[in-house]
Amino acid sequence: MSPIEVIVSWLEAQDLDLQLDVASFASFLIFEDGDVSSLSMPEQLEALRQWLNEPELESHAAATRALTFRISMDYFVESRITGFGWKQTEAELRKTLEEAKRVGKFSAARKAQRMLELLPTRQERWHEVARSWNELASTRLTLKALTDWSDKPPGMGVI
């Protein structure tokens, strides 16, 4: 299985909310043009999937993409497992809630309130995700594994 296939398999094994979180963050870091940030989260997920699954990608290009994704995910996972990352998320949600209440956007206020209520559950889930990501990254996505894979002749995958 190629490093890209390993990443796609890991991503697809996560629940949709997590996939959308990952796509939103990864899109911000990976895609340099401003067009992706204007996409909805499902569209960002689709753009990420297309980027990962581009057909006939040469092995060095695929290894570079795998490494780029790994660096992005490592950074994102770190922010999700530290208290700071969640404090920042909570502060943003509270700001959104107060603003929505102030201007009378009750639907947005209910959504922000619900997201605040679910924050501890999301934080717990991210600790599980971080463990699975770190295990994958430290075995199948190391620099050595990526180099070994990209240096193999076409048709030879990592076992």
Protein backbone atom coordinates (compact mmCIF):
# COMPACT_ATOMS: atom_id res chain seq x y z
CA MET A 1 0.00 0.00 0.00
CA SER A 2 1.40 3.41 -0.94
CA PRO A 3 1.79 6.17 1.67
CA ILE A 4 -1.08 8.06 0.03
CA GLU A 5 -3.30 4.95 0.21
CA VAL A 6 -2.37 4.58 3.89
CA ILE A 7 -3.39 8.20 4.54
CA VAL A 8 -6.65 7.88 2.59
CA SER A 9 -7.47 4.66 4.42
CA TRP A 10 -6.83 6.31 7.80
CA LEU A 11 -8.87 9.38 6.86
CA GLU A 12 -11.79 7.32 5.57
CA ALA A 13 -11.82 5.30 8.83
CA GLN A 14 -12.60 8.49 10.80
CA ASP A 15 -16.12 9.78 11.33
CA LEU A 16 -17.40 12.47 8.97
CA ASP A 17 -17.09 15.32 11.51
CA LEU A 18 -13.44 14.51 12.00
CA GLN A 19 -12.84 14.19 8.24
CA LEU A 20 -14.36 17.64 7.80
CA ASP A 21 -12.16 19.08 10.59
CA VAL A 22 -9.07 17.57 8.98
CA ALA A 23 -10.03 18.77 5.50
CA SER A 24 -10.70 22.29 6.70
CA PHE A 25 -7.36 22.56 8.47
CA ALA A 26 -5.36 20.71 5.81
CA SER A 27 -6.89 22.82 3.04
CA PHE A 28 -5.79 25.96 4.82
CA LEU A 29 -2.18 24.72 4.98
CA ILE A 30 -1.84 22.64 1.82
CA PHE A 31 -3.65 24.67 -0.81
CA GLU A 32 -1.95 28.00 -1.23
CA ASP A 33 -4.48 29.58 -3.53
CA GLY A 34 -7.29 31.41 -1.79
CA ASP A 35 -10.01 29.55 -3.68
CA VAL A 36 -10.14 26.57 -1.32
CA SER A 37 -10.86 28.67 1.77
CA SER A 38 -14.07 29.89 0.13
CA LEU A 39 -15.32 26.32 -0.27
CA SER A 40 -17.72 24.69 2.14
CA MET A 41 -16.28 22.05 4.47
CA PRO A 42 -17.67 19.17 2.35
CA GLU A 43 -16.12 20.78 -0.73
CA GLN A 44 -12.80 21.14 1.11
CA LEU A 45 -12.96 17.43 1.99
CA GLU A 46 -13.58 16.58 -1.66
CA ALA A 47 -10.67 18.82 -2.76
CA LEU A 48 -8.39 17.06 -0.25
CA ARG A 49 -9.52 13.65 -1.46
CA GLN A 50 -8.83 14.65 -5.07
CA TRP A 51 -5.40 15.97 -4.12
CA LEU A 52 -4.56 12.74 -2.32
CA ASN A 53 -6.00 10.51 -5.06
CA GLU A 54 -4.65 12.24 -8.15
CA PRO A 55 -4.22 9.47 -10.74
CA GLU A 56 -0.84 8.55 -12.18
CA LEU A 57 1.12 10.57 -9.65
CA GLU A 58 4.83 9.73 -9.81
CA SER A 59 6.15 8.08 -6.67
CA HIS A 60 8.30 11.08 -5.65
CA ALA A 61 5.32 13.42 -6.03
CA ALA A 62 3.12 11.03 -4.03
CA ALA A 63 5.79 10.80 -1.31
CA THR A 64 5.99 14.60 -1.21
CA ARG A 65 2.22 14.85 -0.83
CA ALA A 66 2.26 12.21 1.90
CA LEU A 67 4.97 14.15 3.73
CA THR A 68 3.11 17.44 3.27
CA PHE A 69 -0.06 15.87 4.66
CA ARG A 70 1.87 14.33 7.55
CA ILE A 71 3.43 17.66 8.53
CA SER A 72 0.02 19.36 8.36
CA MET A 73 -1.63 16.61 10.42
CA ASP A 74 1.17 16.54 12.99
CA TYR A 75 0.70 20.27 13.53
CA PHE A 76 -3.09 19.95 13.67
CA VAL A 77 -3.04 16.94 16.02
CA GLU A 78 -0.67 18.79 18.34
CA SER A 79 -3.12 21.70 18.55
CA ARG A 80 -5.98 19.28 19.23
CA ILE A 81 -4.26 17.46 22.10
CA THR A 82 -3.04 20.54 23.95
CA GLY A 83 -5.20 22.62 26.22
CA PHE A 84 -4.34 25.74 24.25
CA GLY A 85 -5.95 24.51 21.04
CA TRP A 86 -9.21 23.74 22.81
CA LYS A 87 -9.19 26.98 24.81
CA GLN A 88 -8.88 28.86 21.55
CA THR A 89 -11.77 26.87 20.04
CA GLU A 90 -13.91 27.45 23.12
CA ALA A 91 -13.17 31.19 23.10
CA GLU A 92 -14.17 31.43 19.43
CA LEU A 93 -17.41 29.53 20.07
CA ARG A 94 -18.27 31.74 23.06
CA LYS A 95 -17.59 34.83 20.96
CA THR A 96 -19.84 33.45 18.19
CA LEU A 97 -22.57 32.63 20.73
CA GLU A 98 -22.52 36.10 22.29
CA GLU A 99 -22.51 37.80 18.88
CA ALA A 100 -25.38 35.64 17.63
CA LYS A 101 -27.43 36.40 20.76
CA ARG A 102 -26.65 40.11 20.47
CA VAL A 103 -27.87 40.38 16.87
CA GLY A 104 -30.78 37.97 17.32
CA LYS A 105 -29.49 35.10 15.18
CA PHE A 106 -31.07 32.41 17.32
CA SER A 107 -30.27 29.53 14.99
CA ALA A 108 -26.57 30.43 15.03
CA ALA A 109 -26.73 30.88 18.82
CA ARG A 110 -28.25 27.41 19.26
CA LYS A 111 -25.60 25.90 17.00
CA ALA A 112 -22.76 27.59 18.90
CA GLN A 113 -24.30 26.52 22.24
CA ARG A 114 -24.56 22.94 21.03
CA MET A 115 -20.96 22.98 19.82
CA LEU A 116 -19.85 24.25 23.24
CA GLU A 117 -21.77 21.43 24.92
CA LEU A 118 -20.12 18.87 22.64
CA LEU A 119 -16.62 20.28 23.08
CA PRO A 120 -15.56 17.86 25.87
CA THR A 121 -16.71 14.89 23.76
CA ARG A 122 -14.86 16.21 20.70
CA GLN A 123 -11.75 16.77 22.80
CA GLU A 124 -11.89 13.19 24.10
CA ARG A 125 -12.41 11.87 20.56
CA TRP A 126 -9.41 13.84 19.32
CA HIS A 127 -7.18 12.17 21.90
CA GLU A 128 -8.15 8.80 20.37
CA VAL A 129 -7.56 10.15 16.87
CA ALA A 130 -4.18 11.56 17.90
CA ARG A 131 -3.09 8.14 19.14
CA SER A 132 -4.10 6.44 15.88
CA TRP A 133 -2.51 9.19 13.76
CA ASN A 134 0.75 9.14 15.73
CA GLU A 135 0.94 5.37 15.40
CA LEU A 136 0.43 5.58 11.64
CA ALA A 137 2.86 8.47 11.21
CA SER A 138 5.58 6.82 13.26
CA THR A 139 5.42 3.56 11.31
CA ARG A 140 4.17 4.01 7.74
CA LEU A 141 4.88 7.72 7.17
CA THR A 142 8.40 8.19 8.48
CA LEU A 143 10.92 9.91 6.25
CA LYS A 144 12.68 6.57 5.80
CA ALA A 145 9.45 4.77 4.86
CA LEU A 146 8.55 7.50 2.37
CA THR A 147 12.04 7.52 0.87
CA ASP A 148 12.17 3.73 0.65
CA TRP A 149 8.76 3.65 -1.01
CA SER A 150 9.49 6.43 -3.51
CA ASP A 151 12.81 4.83 -4.49
CA LYS A 152 11.20 1.48 -5.39
CA PRO A 153 10.61 0.71 -9.06
CA PRO A 154 6.99 1.28 -10.27
CA GLY A 155 4.64 -1.50 -9.24
CA MET A 156 6.55 -2.27 -6.04
CA GLY A 157 4.62 -1.15 -2.96
CA VAL A 158 5.42 -1.12 0.71
CA ILE A 159 4.32 -4.33 2.35
